Amino acid sequence: MASRRILKKRVKDVCTLLTMECLLKTLQVSGDKKDRLDKIVGDVLDLRDDFVSRISHTEPGNVKGYYRKFHEDFSNKVENVAGELDKLCD
């Protein structure tokens, strides 16, 4: 149970950092880019909720494979959001 709790905390921490990055970028840009950043913040919050709930409902019988896929999916989503932020603010 403790490892699930730690994993949930790490997912929340990463999503918090992404949200803070979006909010800092909002101060640097104007116009349509602010609207896009607001949408990205909403996507990050949905990402956090989705992955925290996935931790709570582990697939029985294939725990190792489940968490391997979980880590891959989470990494890909975080990289996509970070890429959107970089592309939007360059």
PDB file of N, CA and C in Angstrom:
ATOM      1  N   MET A   1       0.804  -1.199   0.000  1.00  0.00           N
ATOM      2  CA  MET A   1       0.000   0.000   0.000  1.00  0.00           C
ATOM      3  C   MET A   1       0.848   1.263   0.000  1.00  0.00           C
ATOM      4  N   ALA A   2       1.967   1.209   0.683  1.00  0.00           N
ATOM      5  CA  ALA A   2       2.803   2.407   0.773  1.00  0.00           C
ATOM      6  C   ALA A   2       3.334   2.795  -0.599  1.00  0.00           C
ATOM      7  N   SER A   3       3.669   1.824  -1.435  1.00  0.00           N
ATOM      8  CA  SER A   3       4.199   2.171  -2.748  1.00  0.00           C
ATOM      9  C   SER A   3       3.125   2.807  -3.632  1.00  0.00           C
ATOM     10  N   ARG A   4       1.884   2.390  -3.478  1.00  0.00           N
ATOM     11  CA  ARG A   4       0.796   3.044  -4.212  1.00  0.00           C
ATOM     12  C   ARG A   4       0.648   4.493  -3.756  1.00  0.00           C
ATOM     13  N   ARG A   5       0.734   4.689  -2.458  1.00  0.00           N
ATOM     14  CA  ARG A   5       0.626   6.036  -1.910  1.00  0.00           C
ATOM     15  C   ARG A   5       1.754   6.926  -2.432  1.00  0.00           C
ATOM     16  N   ILE A   6       2.963   6.391  -2.474  1.00  0.00           N
ATOM     17  CA  ILE A   6       4.114   7.148  -2.976  1.00  0.00           C
ATOM     18  C   ILE A   6       3.948   7.440  -4.459  1.00  0.00           C
ATOM     19  N   LEU A   7       3.474   6.457  -5.217  1.00  0.00           N
ATOM     20  CA  LEU A   7       3.269   6.662  -6.651  1.00  0.00           C
ATOM     21  C   LEU A   7       2.208   7.733  -6.903  1.00  0.00           C
ATOM     22  N   LYS A   8       1.131   7.708  -6.135  1.00  0.00           N
ATOM     23  CA  LYS A   8       0.101   8.749  -6.259  1.00  0.00           C
ATOM     24  C   LYS A   8       0.683  10.119  -5.957  1.00  0.00           C
ATOM     25  N   LYS A   9       1.503  10.186  -4.930  1.00  0.00           N
ATOM     26  CA  LYS A   9       2.117  11.455  -4.566  1.00  0.00           C
ATOM     27  C   LYS A   9       3.037  11.955  -5.675  1.00  0.00           C
ATOM     28  N   ARG A  10       3.794  11.069  -6.291  1.00  0.00           N
ATOM     29  CA  ARG A  10       4.696  11.466  -7.380  1.00  0.00           C
ATOM     30  C   ARG A  10       3.919  11.943  -8.601  1.00  0.00           C
ATOM     31  N   VAL A  11       2.829  11.263  -8.921  1.00  0.00           N
ATOM     32  CA  VAL A  11       1.993  11.692 -10.045  1.00  0.00           C
ATOM     33  C   VAL A  11       1.442  13.083  -9.771  1.00  0.00           C
ATOM     34  N   LYS A  12       0.962  13.308  -8.567  1.00  0.00           N
ATOM     35  CA  LYS A  12       0.424  14.623  -8.202  1.00  0.00           C
ATOM     36  C   LYS A  12       1.513  15.687  -8.239  1.00  0.00           C
ATOM     37  N   ASP A  13       2.723  15.348  -7.781  1.00  0.00           N
ATOM     38  CA  ASP A  13       3.824  16.308  -7.793  1.00  0.00           C
ATOM     39  C   ASP A  13       4.210  16.706  -9.213  1.00  0.00           C
ATOM     40  N   VAL A  14       4.302  15.736 -10.114  1.00  0.00           N
ATOM     41  CA  VAL A  14       4.645  16.032 -11.510  1.00  0.00           C
ATOM     42  C   VAL A  14       3.567  16.909 -12.138  1.00  0.00           C
ATOM     43  N   CYS A  15       2.315  16.586 -11.891  1.00  0.00           N
ATOM     44  CA  CYS A  15       1.229  17.383 -12.458  1.00  0.00           C
ATOM     45  C   CYS A  15       1.195  18.788 -11.860  1.00  0.00           C
ATOM     46  N   THR A  16       1.537  18.916 -10.596  1.00  0.00           N
ATOM     47  CA  THR A  16       1.612  20.236  -9.974  1.00  0.00           C
ATOM     48  C   THR A  16       2.714  21.065 -10.617  1.00  0.00           C
ATOM     49  N   LEU A  17       3.863  20.448 -10.874  1.00  0.00           N
ATOM     50  CA  LEU A  17       4.958  21.162 -11.536  1.00  0.00           C
ATOM     51  C   LEU A  17       4.572  21.600 -12.946  1.00  0.00           C
ATOM     52  N   LEU A  18       3.872  20.741 -13.680  1.00  0.00           N
ATOM     53  CA  LEU A  18       3.409  21.114 -15.016  1.00  0.00           C
ATOM     54  C   LEU A  18       2.417  22.272 -14.951  1.00  0.00           C
ATOM     55  N   THR A  19       1.528  22.227 -13.975  1.00  0.00           N
ATOM     56  CA  THR A  19       0.556  23.304 -13.817  1.00  0.00           C
ATOM     57  C   THR A  19       1.243  24.618 -13.478  1.00  0.00           C
ATOM     58  N   MET A  20       2.215  24.569 -12.591  1.00  0.00           N
ATOM     59  CA  MET A  20       2.957  25.776 -12.227  1.00  0.00           C
ATOM     60  C   MET A  20       3.719  26.331 -13.432  1.00  0.00           C
ATOM     61  N   GLU A  21       4.277  25.455 -14.248  1.00  0.00           N
ATOM     62  CA  GLU A  21       4.977  25.890 -15.463  1.00  0.00           C
ATOM     63  C   GLU A  21       4.011  26.597 -16.409  1.00  0.00           C
ATOM     64  N   CYS A  22       2.816  26.063 -16.538  1.00  0.00           N
ATOM     65  CA  CYS A  22       1.800  26.705 -17.381  1.00  0.00           C
ATOM     66  C   CYS A  22       1.440  28.086 -16.847  1.00  0.00           C
ATOM     67  N   LEU A  23       1.265  28.179 -15.541  1.00  0.00           N
ATOM     68  CA  LEU A  23       0.901  29.466 -14.949  1.00  0.00           C
ATOM     69  C   LEU A  23       2.019  30.492 -15.101  1.00  0.00           C
ATOM     70  N   LEU A  24       3.266  30.052 -14.989  1.00  0.00           N
ATOM     71  CA  LEU A  24       4.382  30.974 -15.203  1.00  0.00           C
ATOM     72  C   LEU A  24       4.458  31.421 -16.658  1.00  0.00           C
ATOM     73  N   LYS A  25       4.188  30.520 -17.576  1.00  0.00           N
ATOM     74  CA  LYS A  25       4.199  30.868 -18.996  1.00  0.00           C
ATOM     75  C   LYS A  25       3.063  31.831 -19.325  1.00  0.00           C
ATOM     76  N   THR A  26       1.948  31.737 -18.596  1.00  0.00           N
ATOM     77  CA  THR A  26       0.816  32.637 -18.809  1.00  0.00           C
ATOM     78  C   THR A  26       1.221  34.085 -18.582  1.00  0.00           C
ATOM     79  N   LEU A  27       2.131  34.310 -17.658  1.00  0.00           N
ATOM     80  CA  LEU A  27       2.603  35.671 -17.382  1.00  0.00           C
ATOM     81  C   LEU A  27       3.458  36.224 -18.511  1.00  0.00           C
ATOM     82  N   GLN A  28       4.033  35.352 -19.321  1.00  0.00           N
ATOM     83  CA  GLN A  28       4.937  35.764 -20.376  1.00  0.00           C
ATOM     84  C   GLN A  28       4.257  35.976 -21.726  1.00  0.00           C
ATOM     85  N   VAL A  29       3.090  35.403 -21.924  1.00  0.00           N
ATOM     86  CA  VAL A  29       2.430  35.464 -23.227  1.00  0.00           C
ATOM     87  C   VAL A  29       1.128  36.259 -23.132  1.00  0.00           C
ATOM     88  N   SER A  30       0.521  36.501 -24.290  1.00  0.00           N
ATOM     89  CA  SER A  30      -0.750  37.227 -24.295  1.00  0.00           C
ATOM     90  C   SER A  30      -1.657  36.674 -25.385  1.00  0.00           C
ATOM     91  N   GLY A  31      -2.916  37.059 -25.331  1.00  0.00           N
ATOM     92  CA  GLY A  31      -3.866  36.741 -26.387  1.00  0.00           C
ATOM     93  C   GLY A  31      -4.277  35.286 -26.435  1.00  0.00           C
ATOM     94  N   ASP A  32      -4.237  34.734 -27.651  1.00  0.00           N
ATOM     95  CA  ASP A  32      -4.695  33.365 -27.893  1.00  0.00           C
ATOM     96  C   ASP A  32      -3.841  32.337 -27.158  1.00  0.00           C
ATOM     97  N   LYS A  33      -2.589  32.677 -26.923  1.00  0.00           N
ATOM     98  CA  LYS A  33      -1.710  31.732 -26.240  1.00  0.00           C
ATOM     99  C   LYS A  33      -2.158  31.513 -24.801  1.00  0.00           C
ATOM    100  N   LYS A  34      -2.733  32.537 -24.179  1.00  0.00           N
ATOM    101  CA  LYS A  34      -3.242  32.366 -22.812  1.00  0.00           C
ATOM    102  C   LYS A  34      -4.400  31.381 -22.782  1.00  0.00           C
ATOM    103  N   ASP A  35      -5.268  31.465 -23.789  1.00  0.00           N
ATOM    104  CA  ASP A  35      -6.384  30.529 -23.860  1.00  0.00           C
ATOM    105  C   ASP A  35      -5.880  29.098 -24.037  1.00  0.00           C
ATOM    106  N   ARG A  36      -4.873  28.933 -24.868  1.00  0.00           N
ATOM    107  CA  ARG A  36      -4.289  27.607 -25.097  1.00  0.00           C
ATOM    108  C   ARG A  36      -3.631  27.081 -23.815  1.00  0.00           C
ATOM    109  N   LEU A  37      -2.963  27.965 -23.077  1.00  0.00           N
ATOM    110  CA  LEU A  37      -2.349  27.554 -21.818  1.00  0.00           C
ATOM    111  C   LEU A  37      -3.406  27.149 -20.792  1.00  0.00           C
ATOM    112  N   ASP A  38      -4.534  27.850 -20.783  1.00  0.00           N
ATOM    113  CA  ASP A  38      -5.629  27.470 -19.888  1.00  0.00           C
ATOM    114  C   ASP A  38      -6.148  26.076 -20.219  1.00  0.00           C
ATOM    115  N   LYS A  39      -6.217  25.775 -21.508  1.00  0.00           N
ATOM    116  CA  LYS A  39      -6.654  24.445 -21.930  1.00  0.00           C
ATOM    117  C   LYS A  39      -5.632  23.390 -21.497  1.00  0.00           C
ATOM    118  N   ILE A  40      -4.356  23.712 -21.599  1.00  0.00           N
ATOM    119  CA  ILE A  40      -3.312  22.773 -21.188  1.00  0.00           C
ATOM    120  C   ILE A  40      -3.397  22.510 -19.687  1.00  0.00           C
ATOM    121  N   VAL A  41      -3.679  23.535 -18.894  1.00  0.00           N
ATOM    122  CA  VAL A  41      -3.840  23.352 -17.442  1.00  0.00           C
ATOM    123  C   VAL A  41      -4.998  22.394 -17.174  1.00  0.00           C
ATOM    124  N   GLY A  42      -6.093  22.562 -17.889  1.00  0.00           N
ATOM    125  CA  GLY A  42      -7.222  21.639 -17.743  1.00  0.00           C
ATOM    126  C   GLY A  42      -6.844  20.221 -18.124  1.00  0.00           C
ATOM    127  N   ASP A  43      -6.048  20.079 -19.189  1.00  0.00           N
ATOM    128  CA  ASP A  43      -5.582  18.754 -19.602  1.00  0.00           C
ATOM    129  C   ASP A  43      -4.701  18.118 -18.530  1.00  0.00           C
ATOM    130  N   VAL A  44      -3.860  18.922 -17.898  1.00  0.00           N
ATOM    131  CA  VAL A  44      -2.983  18.402 -16.836  1.00  0.00           C
ATOM    132  C   VAL A  44      -3.811  17.939 -15.642  1.00  0.00           C
ATOM    133  N   LEU A  45      -4.842  18.685 -15.294  1.00  0.00           N
ATOM    134  CA  LEU A  45      -5.699  18.282 -14.175  1.00  0.00           C
ATOM    135  C   LEU A  45      -6.449  16.990 -14.492  1.00  0.00           C
ATOM    136  N   ASP A  46      -6.912  16.853 -15.734  1.00  0.00           N
ATOM    137  CA  ASP A  46      -7.555  15.605 -16.156  1.00  0.00           C
ATOM    138  C   ASP A  46      -6.557  14.450 -16.127  1.00  0.00           C
ATOM    139  N   LEU A  47      -5.333  14.726 -16.556  1.00  0.00           N
ATOM    140  CA  LEU A  47      -4.263  13.727 -16.552  1.00  0.00           C
ATOM    141  C   LEU A  47      -4.022  13.230 -15.126  1.00  0.00           C
ATOM    142  N   ARG A  48      -3.936  14.170 -14.184  1.00  0.00           N
ATOM    143  CA  ARG A  48      -3.713  13.803 -12.782  1.00  0.00           C
ATOM    144  C   ARG A  48      -4.835  12.919 -12.256  1.00  0.00           C
ATOM    145  N   ASP A  49      -6.073  13.328 -12.501  1.00  0.00           N
ATOM    146  CA  ASP A  49      -7.209  12.551 -12.012  1.00  0.00           C
ATOM    147  C   ASP A  49      -7.246  11.154 -12.631  1.00  0.00           C
ATOM    148  N   ASP A  50      -6.972  11.079 -13.924  1.00  0.00           N
ATOM    149  CA  ASP A  50      -6.999   9.803 -14.624  1.00  0.00           C
ATOM    150  C   ASP A  50      -5.945   8.849 -14.074  1.00  0.00           C
ATOM    151  N   PHE A  51      -4.723   9.324 -13.925  1.00  0.00           N
ATOM    152  CA  PHE A  51      -3.659   8.429 -13.506  1.00  0.00           C
ATOM    153  C   PHE A  51      -3.731   8.076 -12.028  1.00  0.00           C
ATOM    154  N   VAL A  52      -4.214   8.963 -11.189  1.00  0.00           N
ATOM    155  CA  VAL A  52      -4.390   8.619  -9.777  1.00  0.00           C
ATOM    156  C   VAL A  52      -5.476   7.556  -9.643  1.00  0.00           C
ATOM    157  N   SER A  53      -6.533   7.671 -10.422  1.00  0.00           N
ATOM    158  CA  SER A  53      -7.588   6.650 -10.341  1.00  0.00           C
ATOM    159  C   SER A  53      -7.108   5.318 -10.917  1.00  0.00           C
ATOM    160  N   ARG A  54      -6.218   5.366 -11.912  1.00  0.00           N
ATOM    161  CA  ARG A  54      -5.660   4.123 -12.450  1.00  0.00           C
ATOM    162  C   ARG A  54      -4.804   3.404 -11.422  1.00  0.00           C
ATOM    163  N   ILE A  55      -4.154   4.137 -10.547  1.00  0.00           N
ATOM    164  CA  ILE A  55      -3.349   3.509  -9.497  1.00  0.00           C
ATOM    165  C   ILE A  55      -4.253   2.758  -8.531  1.00  0.00           C
ATOM    166  N   SER A  56      -5.418   3.302  -8.264  1.00  0.00           N
ATOM    167  CA  SER A  56      -6.339   2.695  -7.301  1.00  0.00           C
ATOM    168  C   SER A  56      -6.975   1.416  -7.817  1.00  0.00           C
ATOM    169  N   HIS A  57      -7.002   1.222  -9.115  1.00  0.00           N
ATOM    170  CA  HIS A  57      -7.685   0.071  -9.704  1.00  0.00           C
ATOM    171  C   HIS A  57      -6.698  -0.758 -10.512  1.00  0.00           C
ATOM    172  N   THR A  58      -5.804  -1.419  -9.814  1.00  0.00           N
ATOM    173  CA  THR A  58      -4.785  -2.240 -10.455  1.00  0.00           C
ATOM    174  C   THR A  58      -5.414  -3.488 -11.049  1.00  0.00           C
ATOM    175  N   GLU A  59      -4.907  -3.872 -12.197  1.00  0.00           N
ATOM    176  CA  GLU A  59      -5.387  -5.057 -12.887  1.00  0.00           C
ATOM    177  C   GLU A  59      -4.883  -6.309 -12.165  1.00  0.00           C
ATOM    178  N   PRO A  60      -5.775  -7.139 -11.640  1.00  0.00           N
ATOM    179  CA  PRO A  60      -5.320  -8.331 -10.911  1.00  0.00           C
ATOM    180  C   PRO A  60      -4.684  -9.359 -11.845  1.00  0.00           C
ATOM    181  N   GLY A  61      -3.647 -10.008 -11.362  1.00  0.00           N
ATOM    182  CA  GLY A  61      -3.004 -11.054 -12.135  1.00  0.00           C
ATOM    183  C   GLY A  61      -1.881 -10.580 -13.024  1.00  0.00           C
ATOM    184  N   ASN A  62      -1.817  -9.294 -13.302  1.00  0.00           N
ATOM    185  CA  ASN A  62      -0.778  -8.768 -14.181  1.00  0.00           C
ATOM    186  C   ASN A  62      -0.275  -7.438 -13.629  1.00  0.00           C
ATOM    187  N   VAL A  63       0.081  -7.420 -12.383  1.00  0.00           N
ATOM    188  CA  VAL A  63       0.439  -6.179 -11.710  1.00  0.00           C
ATOM    189  C   VAL A  63       1.697  -5.572 -12.314  1.00  0.00           C
ATOM    190  N   LYS A  64       2.707  -6.394 -12.540  1.00  0.00           N
ATOM    191  CA  LYS A  64       3.970  -5.881 -13.074  1.00  0.00           C
ATOM    192  C   LYS A  64       3.775  -5.276 -14.465  1.00  0.00           C
ATOM    193  N   GLY A  65       3.079  -5.958 -15.325  1.00  0.00           N
ATOM    194  CA  GLY A  65       2.797  -5.448 -16.667  1.00  0.00           C
ATOM    195  C   GLY A  65       1.912  -4.217 -16.635  1.00  0.00           C
ATOM    196  N   TYR A  66       0.978  -4.197 -15.701  1.00  0.00           N
ATOM    197  CA  TYR A  66       0.072  -3.046 -15.562  1.00  0.00           C
ATOM    198  C   TYR A  66       0.851  -1.784 -15.217  1.00  0.00           C
ATOM    199  N   TYR A  67       1.744  -1.887 -14.246  1.00  0.00           N
ATOM    200  CA  TYR A  67       2.499  -0.704 -13.841  1.00  0.00           C
ATOM    201  C   TYR A  67       3.574  -0.329 -14.860  1.00  0.00           C
ATOM    202  N   ARG A  68       4.080  -1.286 -15.595  1.00  0.00           N
ATOM    203  CA  ARG A  68       5.008  -0.963 -16.676  1.00  0.00           C
ATOM    204  C   ARG A  68       4.294  -0.113 -17.731  1.00  0.00           C
ATOM    205  N   LYS A  69       3.092  -0.532 -18.118  1.00  0.00           N
ATOM    206  CA  LYS A  69       2.303   0.238 -19.081  1.00  0.00           C
ATOM    207  C   LYS A  69       1.893   1.583 -18.484  1.00  0.00           C
ATOM    208  N   PHE A  70       1.576   1.598 -17.202  1.00  0.00           N
ATOM    209  CA  PHE A  70       1.217   2.832 -16.509  1.00  0.00           C
ATOM    210  C   PHE A  70       2.351   3.850 -16.624  1.00  0.00           C
ATOM    211  N   HIS A  71       3.576   3.415 -16.327  1.00  0.00           N
ATOM    212  CA  HIS A  71       4.727   4.318 -16.382  1.00  0.00           C
ATOM    213  C   HIS A  71       4.979   4.810 -17.806  1.00  0.00           C
ATOM    214  N   GLU A  72       4.846   3.933 -18.784  1.00  0.00           N
ATOM    215  CA  GLU A  72       5.022   4.337 -20.182  1.00  0.00           C
ATOM    216  C   GLU A  72       3.978   5.370 -20.591  1.00  0.00           C
ATOM    217  N   ASP A  73       2.721   5.098 -20.261  1.00  0.00           N
ATOM    218  CA  ASP A  73       1.643   6.018 -20.617  1.00  0.00           C
ATOM    219  C   ASP A  73       1.824   7.374 -19.944  1.00  0.00           C
ATOM    220  N   PHE A  74       2.169   7.356 -18.664  1.00  0.00           N
ATOM    221  CA  PHE A  74       2.336   8.602 -17.930  1.00  0.00           C
ATOM    222  C   PHE A  74       3.506   9.411 -18.492  1.00  0.00           C
ATOM    223  N   SER A  75       4.601   8.735 -18.769  1.00  0.00           N
ATOM    224  CA  SER A  75       5.763   9.434 -19.334  1.00  0.00           C
ATOM    225  C   SER A  75       5.433  10.052 -20.683  1.00  0.00           C
ATOM    226  N   ASN A  76       4.730   9.308 -21.520  1.00  0.00           N
ATOM    227  CA  ASN A  76       4.353   9.834 -22.837  1.00  0.00           C
ATOM    228  C   ASN A  76       3.448  11.048 -22.718  1.00  0.00           C
ATOM    229  N   LYS A  77       2.470  10.989 -21.827  1.00  0.00           N
ATOM    230  CA  LYS A  77       1.543  12.118 -21.656  1.00  0.00           C
ATOM    231  C   LYS A  77       2.275  13.349 -21.130  1.00  0.00           C
ATOM    232  N   VAL A  78       3.176  13.161 -20.165  1.00  0.00           N
ATOM    233  CA  VAL A  78       3.926  14.287 -19.612  1.00  0.00           C
ATOM    234  C   VAL A  78       4.825  14.894 -20.683  1.00  0.00           C
ATOM    235  N   GLU A  79       5.473  14.049 -21.480  1.00  0.00           N
ATOM    236  CA  GLU A  79       6.318  14.557 -22.560  1.00  0.00           C
ATOM    237  C   GLU A  79       5.493  15.327 -23.585  1.00  0.00           C
ATOM    238  N   ASN A  80       4.285  14.859 -23.882  1.00  0.00           N
ATOM    239  CA  ASN A  80       3.412  15.569 -24.821  1.00  0.00           C
ATOM    240  C   ASN A  80       3.036  16.951 -24.297  1.00  0.00           C
ATOM    241  N   VAL A  81       2.683  17.018 -23.031  1.00  0.00           N
ATOM    242  CA  VAL A  81       2.304  18.309 -22.438  1.00  0.00           C
ATOM    243  C   VAL A  81       3.505  19.246 -22.411  1.00  0.00           C
ATOM    244  N   ALA A  82       4.672  18.731 -22.030  1.00  0.00           N
ATOM    245  CA  ALA A  82       5.880  19.561 -22.001  1.00  0.00           C
ATOM    246  C   ALA A  82       6.242  20.037 -23.413  1.00  0.00           C
ATOM    247  N   GLY A  83       6.059  19.183 -24.400  1.00  0.00           N
ATOM    248  CA  GLY A  83       6.308  19.576 -25.783  1.00  0.00           C
ATOM    249  C   GLY A  83       5.358  20.665 -26.246  1.00  0.00           C
ATOM    250  N   GLU A  84       4.090  20.555 -25.867  1.00  0.00           N
ATOM    251  CA  GLU A  84       3.115  21.593 -26.214  1.00  0.00           C
ATOM    252  C   GLU A  84       3.504  22.925 -25.587  1.00  0.00           C
ATOM    253  N   LEU A  85       3.947  22.889 -24.336  1.00  0.00           N
ATOM    254  CA  LEU A  85       4.354  24.114 -23.655  1.00  0.00           C
ATOM    255  C   LEU A  85       5.552  24.747 -24.356  1.00  0.00           C
ATOM    256  N   ASP A  86       6.527  23.951 -24.690  1.00  0.00           N
ATOM    257  CA  ASP A  86       7.720  24.480 -25.363  1.00  0.00           C
ATOM    258  C   ASP A  86       7.366  25.057 -26.731  1.00  0.00           C
ATOM    259  N   LYS A  87       6.536  24.348 -27.465  1.00  0.00           N
ATOM    260  CA  LYS A  87       6.150  24.796 -28.802  1.00  0.00           C
ATOM    261  C   LYS A  87       5.323  26.084 -28.739  1.00  0.00           C
ATOM    262  N   LEU A  88       4.474  26.165 -27.744  1.00  0.00           N
ATOM    263  CA  LEU A  88       3.596  27.328 -27.613  1.00  0.00           C
ATOM    264  C   LEU A  88       4.357  28.583 -27.214  1.00  0.00           C
ATOM    265  N   CYS A  89       5.360  28.430 -26.400  1.00  0.00           N
ATOM    266  CA  CYS A  89       6.039  29.600 -25.835  1.00  0.00           C
ATOM    267  C   CYS A  89       7.370  29.936 -26.499  1.00  0.00           C
ATOM    268  N   ASP A  90       7.732  29.286 -27.565  1.00  0.00           N
ATOM    269  CA  ASP A  90       8.973  29.632 -28.269  1.00  0.00           C
ATOM    270  C   ASP A  90       8.753  30.698 -29.303  1.00  0.00           C
TER     271      ASP A  90
END
